[in-house]
Amino acid sequence: MKINGADVEKFLIKFIQKELYKFNIKKAVFGLSGGLDSTVTAFLASLALGVDNVTGLIMPYGNLFQKEVEEAEDVAHTLGIHSETIDIS
């Protein structure tokens, strides 16, 4: 079976838009770790809602996860989305 990545991307963006529209949701806030799952979430949300309507929350615990914080900040910067860092130590 061959999967067309561009078609999957379009399908997921339309799905997100349709589901959020049902509840009149126009903005998204989510945890941003810099890992694969949150990066894909950030990417799809920014395309579905627009970069001005997406915020990634980076929530480090002390200095233990500095590399992950930097990766999350890189994702936010690359996508052009707003991010906030909240230390949960």
N, C-alpha and C. Protein backbone atom coordinates (compact mmCIF):
# COMPACT_ATOMS: atom_id res chain seq x y z
N MET A 1 0.84 -1.18 0.00
CA MET A 1 0.00 0.00 0.00
C MET A 1 0.89 1.24 0.00
N LYS A 2 0.61 2.15 -0.90
CA LYS A 2 1.37 3.38 -0.98
C LYS A 2 0.56 4.52 -0.35
N ILE A 3 1.20 5.29 0.51
CA ILE A 3 0.54 6.40 1.19
C ILE A 3 1.10 7.70 0.63
N ASN A 4 0.21 8.59 0.23
CA ASN A 4 0.61 9.89 -0.28
C ASN A 4 0.61 10.89 0.88
N GLY A 5 1.79 11.32 1.30
CA GLY A 5 1.91 12.21 2.45
C GLY A 5 1.14 13.50 2.31
N ALA A 6 1.14 14.08 1.13
CA ALA A 6 0.42 15.35 0.90
C ALA A 6 -1.08 15.15 1.07
N ASP A 7 -1.60 14.01 0.61
CA ASP A 7 -3.03 13.73 0.77
C ASP A 7 -3.38 13.52 2.24
N VAL A 8 -2.53 12.83 2.97
CA VAL A 8 -2.77 12.62 4.40
C VAL A 8 -2.76 13.95 5.14
N GLU A 9 -1.80 14.81 4.80
CA GLU A 9 -1.73 16.14 5.43
C GLU A 9 -3.02 16.92 5.18
N LYS A 10 -3.48 16.96 3.95
CA LYS A 10 -4.72 17.68 3.62
C LYS A 10 -5.91 17.10 4.37
N PHE A 11 -5.99 15.77 4.42
CA PHE A 11 -7.09 15.11 5.12
C PHE A 11 -7.10 15.50 6.60
N LEU A 12 -5.93 15.44 7.25
CA LEU A 12 -5.85 15.75 8.67
C LEU A 12 -6.17 17.21 8.96
N ILE A 13 -5.71 18.11 8.12
CA ILE A 13 -6.00 19.54 8.31
C ILE A 13 -7.50 19.78 8.20
N LYS A 14 -8.13 19.22 7.18
CA LYS A 14 -9.59 19.37 7.01
C LYS A 14 -10.33 18.76 8.20
N PHE A 15 -9.87 17.61 8.67
CA PHE A 15 -10.50 16.96 9.81
C PHE A 15 -10.43 17.85 11.05
N ILE A 16 -9.26 18.40 11.33
CA ILE A 16 -9.09 19.28 12.48
C ILE A 16 -10.00 20.49 12.36
N GLN A 17 -10.01 21.12 11.20
CA GLN A 17 -10.86 22.30 10.99
C GLN A 17 -12.33 21.96 11.19
N LYS A 18 -12.77 20.85 10.63
CA LYS A 18 -14.18 20.45 10.73
C LYS A 18 -14.58 20.17 12.18
N GLU A 19 -13.75 19.42 12.89
CA GLU A 19 -14.08 19.07 14.27
C GLU A 19 -14.08 20.30 15.18
N LEU A 20 -13.12 21.19 15.01
CA LEU A 20 -13.08 22.39 15.85
C LEU A 20 -14.22 23.34 15.50
N TYR A 21 -14.60 23.40 14.24
CA TYR A 21 -15.70 24.25 13.81
C TYR A 21 -17.00 23.86 14.50
N LYS A 22 -17.21 22.57 14.73
CA LYS A 22 -18.43 22.08 15.39
C LYS A 22 -18.63 22.74 16.74
N PHE A 23 -17.53 23.08 17.42
CA PHE A 23 -17.60 23.65 18.76
C PHE A 23 -17.17 25.12 18.78
N ASN A 24 -17.09 25.73 17.62
CA ASN A 24 -16.70 27.13 17.47
C ASN A 24 -15.33 27.42 18.11
N ILE A 25 -14.43 26.47 18.00
CA ILE A 25 -13.08 26.63 18.54
C ILE A 25 -12.19 27.19 17.44
N LYS A 26 -11.55 28.32 17.74
CA LYS A 26 -10.74 29.00 16.74
C LYS A 26 -9.26 29.07 17.10
N LYS A 27 -8.93 28.63 18.32
CA LYS A 27 -7.54 28.69 18.77
C LYS A 27 -7.18 27.37 19.46
N ALA A 28 -5.87 27.11 19.54
CA ALA A 28 -5.42 25.88 20.18
C ALA A 28 -4.23 26.17 21.08
N VAL A 29 -4.22 25.52 22.24
CA VAL A 29 -3.10 25.55 23.18
C VAL A 29 -2.76 24.10 23.49
N PHE A 30 -1.48 23.76 23.44
CA PHE A 30 -1.08 22.38 23.67
C PHE A 30 0.33 22.34 24.23
N GLY A 31 0.66 21.22 24.86
CA GLY A 31 2.01 21.02 25.37
C GLY A 31 2.97 20.80 24.21
N LEU A 32 4.10 21.49 24.25
CA LEU A 32 5.11 21.39 23.20
C LEU A 32 6.42 20.94 23.82
N SER A 33 6.82 19.70 23.50
CA SER A 33 8.04 19.14 24.09
C SER A 33 9.21 19.13 23.12
N GLY A 34 8.93 19.28 21.85
CA GLY A 34 9.97 19.15 20.84
C GLY A 34 10.09 17.74 20.31
N GLY A 35 9.31 16.82 20.89
CA GLY A 35 9.29 15.44 20.41
C GLY A 35 8.40 15.30 19.18
N LEU A 36 8.35 14.11 18.65
CA LEU A 36 7.62 13.87 17.41
C LEU A 36 6.14 14.19 17.52
N ASP A 37 5.48 13.69 18.56
CA ASP A 37 4.03 13.88 18.68
C ASP A 37 3.64 15.35 18.77
N SER A 38 4.30 16.09 19.66
CA SER A 38 3.92 17.50 19.81
C SER A 38 4.36 18.34 18.62
N THR A 39 5.41 17.94 17.94
CA THR A 39 5.84 18.66 16.74
C THR A 39 4.82 18.48 15.62
N VAL A 40 4.32 17.26 15.44
CA VAL A 40 3.29 17.01 14.43
C VAL A 40 2.01 17.77 14.80
N THR A 41 1.65 17.77 16.07
CA THR A 41 0.49 18.52 16.53
C THR A 41 0.64 20.00 16.21
N ALA A 42 1.81 20.56 16.52
CA ALA A 42 2.07 21.98 16.24
C ALA A 42 1.98 22.27 14.75
N PHE A 43 2.56 21.41 13.95
CA PHE A 43 2.55 21.58 12.49
C PHE A 43 1.13 21.58 11.95
N LEU A 44 0.36 20.56 12.30
CA LEU A 44 -1.00 20.45 11.77
C LEU A 44 -1.90 21.56 12.31
N ALA A 45 -1.77 21.89 13.59
CA ALA A 45 -2.60 22.95 14.17
C ALA A 45 -2.29 24.30 13.52
N SER A 46 -1.02 24.56 13.27
CA SER A 46 -0.67 25.85 12.65
C SER A 46 -1.21 25.95 11.23
N LEU A 47 -1.26 24.85 10.51
CA LEU A 47 -1.83 24.87 9.17
C LEU A 47 -3.36 24.93 9.20
N ALA A 48 -3.97 24.24 10.16
CA ALA A 48 -5.43 24.21 10.24
C ALA A 48 -6.01 25.51 10.78
N LEU A 49 -5.32 26.14 11.74
CA LEU A 49 -5.87 27.31 12.41
C LEU A 49 -5.14 28.61 12.09
N GLY A 50 -3.96 28.51 11.55
CA GLY A 50 -3.13 29.69 11.32
C GLY A 50 -2.18 29.90 12.49
N VAL A 51 -0.98 30.34 12.20
CA VAL A 51 0.05 30.45 13.24
C VAL A 51 -0.32 31.41 14.35
N ASP A 52 -1.14 32.41 14.07
CA ASP A 52 -1.52 33.38 15.10
C ASP A 52 -2.53 32.81 16.09
N ASN A 53 -3.08 31.65 15.80
CA ASN A 53 -4.11 31.05 16.64
C ASN A 53 -3.64 29.81 17.38
N VAL A 54 -2.33 29.62 17.42
CA VAL A 54 -1.75 28.42 18.02
C VAL A 54 -0.70 28.82 19.06
N THR A 55 -0.77 28.21 20.24
CA THR A 55 0.22 28.45 21.29
C THR A 55 0.73 27.12 21.82
N GLY A 56 2.03 26.97 21.84
CA GLY A 56 2.66 25.78 22.42
C GLY A 56 3.18 26.10 23.81
N LEU A 57 2.79 25.31 24.79
CA LEU A 57 3.28 25.48 26.16
C LEU A 57 4.46 24.55 26.39
N ILE A 58 5.58 25.14 26.74
CA ILE A 58 6.80 24.39 27.05
C ILE A 58 6.88 24.34 28.57
N MET A 59 6.86 23.14 29.15
CA MET A 59 6.75 23.01 30.60
C MET A 59 7.89 22.17 31.18
N PRO A 60 9.07 22.77 31.29
CA PRO A 60 10.21 22.01 31.83
C PRO A 60 10.09 21.83 33.35
N TYR A 61 10.76 20.81 33.82
CA TYR A 61 10.85 20.56 35.25
C TYR A 61 12.30 20.81 35.66
N GLY A 62 12.55 22.00 36.18
CA GLY A 62 13.92 22.37 36.57
C GLY A 62 14.84 22.42 35.37
N ASN A 63 16.11 22.09 35.60
CA ASN A 63 17.10 22.12 34.53
C ASN A 63 17.33 20.74 33.90
N LEU A 64 16.51 19.78 34.25
CA LEU A 64 16.72 18.41 33.80
C LEU A 64 16.47 18.23 32.31
N PHE A 65 15.66 19.08 31.73
CA PHE A 65 15.22 18.86 30.35
C PHE A 65 15.59 20.02 29.44
N GLN A 66 16.78 20.58 29.62
CA GLN A 66 17.18 21.76 28.84
C GLN A 66 17.23 21.47 27.34
N LYS A 67 17.70 20.29 26.96
CA LYS A 67 17.76 19.95 25.53
C LYS A 67 16.36 19.92 24.93
N GLU A 68 15.40 19.34 25.64
CA GLU A 68 14.03 19.28 25.15
C GLU A 68 13.42 20.67 25.04
N VAL A 69 13.74 21.55 25.99
CA VAL A 69 13.25 22.93 25.94
C VAL A 69 13.77 23.61 24.67
N GLU A 70 15.05 23.44 24.40
CA GLU A 70 15.64 24.04 23.20
C GLU A 70 14.99 23.49 21.93
N GLU A 71 14.72 22.19 21.91
CA GLU A 71 14.08 21.59 20.74
C GLU A 71 12.66 22.13 20.56
N ALA A 72 11.93 22.27 21.66
CA ALA A 72 10.57 22.81 21.59
C ALA A 72 10.59 24.26 21.10
N GLU A 73 11.54 25.04 21.60
CA GLU A 73 11.67 26.43 21.16
C GLU A 73 12.00 26.49 19.67
N ASP A 74 12.84 25.58 19.20
CA ASP A 74 13.18 25.51 17.78
C ASP A 74 11.95 25.21 16.93
N VAL A 75 11.12 24.29 17.40
CA VAL A 75 9.89 23.95 16.68
C VAL A 75 8.99 25.18 16.57
N ALA A 76 8.78 25.86 17.70
CA ALA A 76 7.92 27.05 17.70
C ALA A 76 8.47 28.11 16.75
N HIS A 77 9.77 28.34 16.82
CA HIS A 77 10.39 29.35 15.96
C HIS A 77 10.27 28.98 14.49
N THR A 78 10.55 27.73 14.16
CA THR A 78 10.49 27.27 12.78
C THR A 78 9.08 27.41 12.20
N LEU A 79 8.07 27.07 13.00
CA LEU A 79 6.69 27.14 12.52
C LEU A 79 6.12 28.55 12.61
N GLY A 80 6.75 29.41 13.40
CA GLY A 80 6.26 30.77 13.57
C GLY A 80 5.09 30.88 14.52
N ILE A 81 4.98 29.91 15.45
CA ILE A 81 3.88 29.95 16.41
C ILE A 81 4.35 30.56 17.72
N HIS A 82 3.38 31.03 18.50
CA HIS A 82 3.67 31.58 19.82
C HIS A 82 3.95 30.42 20.78
N SER A 83 4.89 30.64 21.67
CA SER A 83 5.14 29.64 22.72
C SER A 83 5.36 30.36 24.04
N GLU A 84 5.05 29.67 25.10
CA GLU A 84 5.29 30.16 26.45
C GLU A 84 5.96 29.05 27.23
N THR A 85 6.92 29.44 28.06
CA THR A 85 7.60 28.46 28.91
C THR A 85 7.13 28.65 30.34
N ILE A 86 6.65 27.57 30.93
CA ILE A 86 6.17 27.58 32.31
C ILE A 86 6.93 26.49 33.04
N ASP A 87 7.81 26.89 33.95
CA ASP A 87 8.59 25.92 34.73
C ASP A 87 7.67 25.28 35.75
N ILE A 88 7.53 23.97 35.70
CA ILE A 88 6.62 23.28 36.61
C ILE A 88 7.35 22.62 37.78
N SER A 89 8.57 23.07 38.06
CA SER A 89 9.35 22.51 39.17
C SER A 89 8.65 22.76 40.49
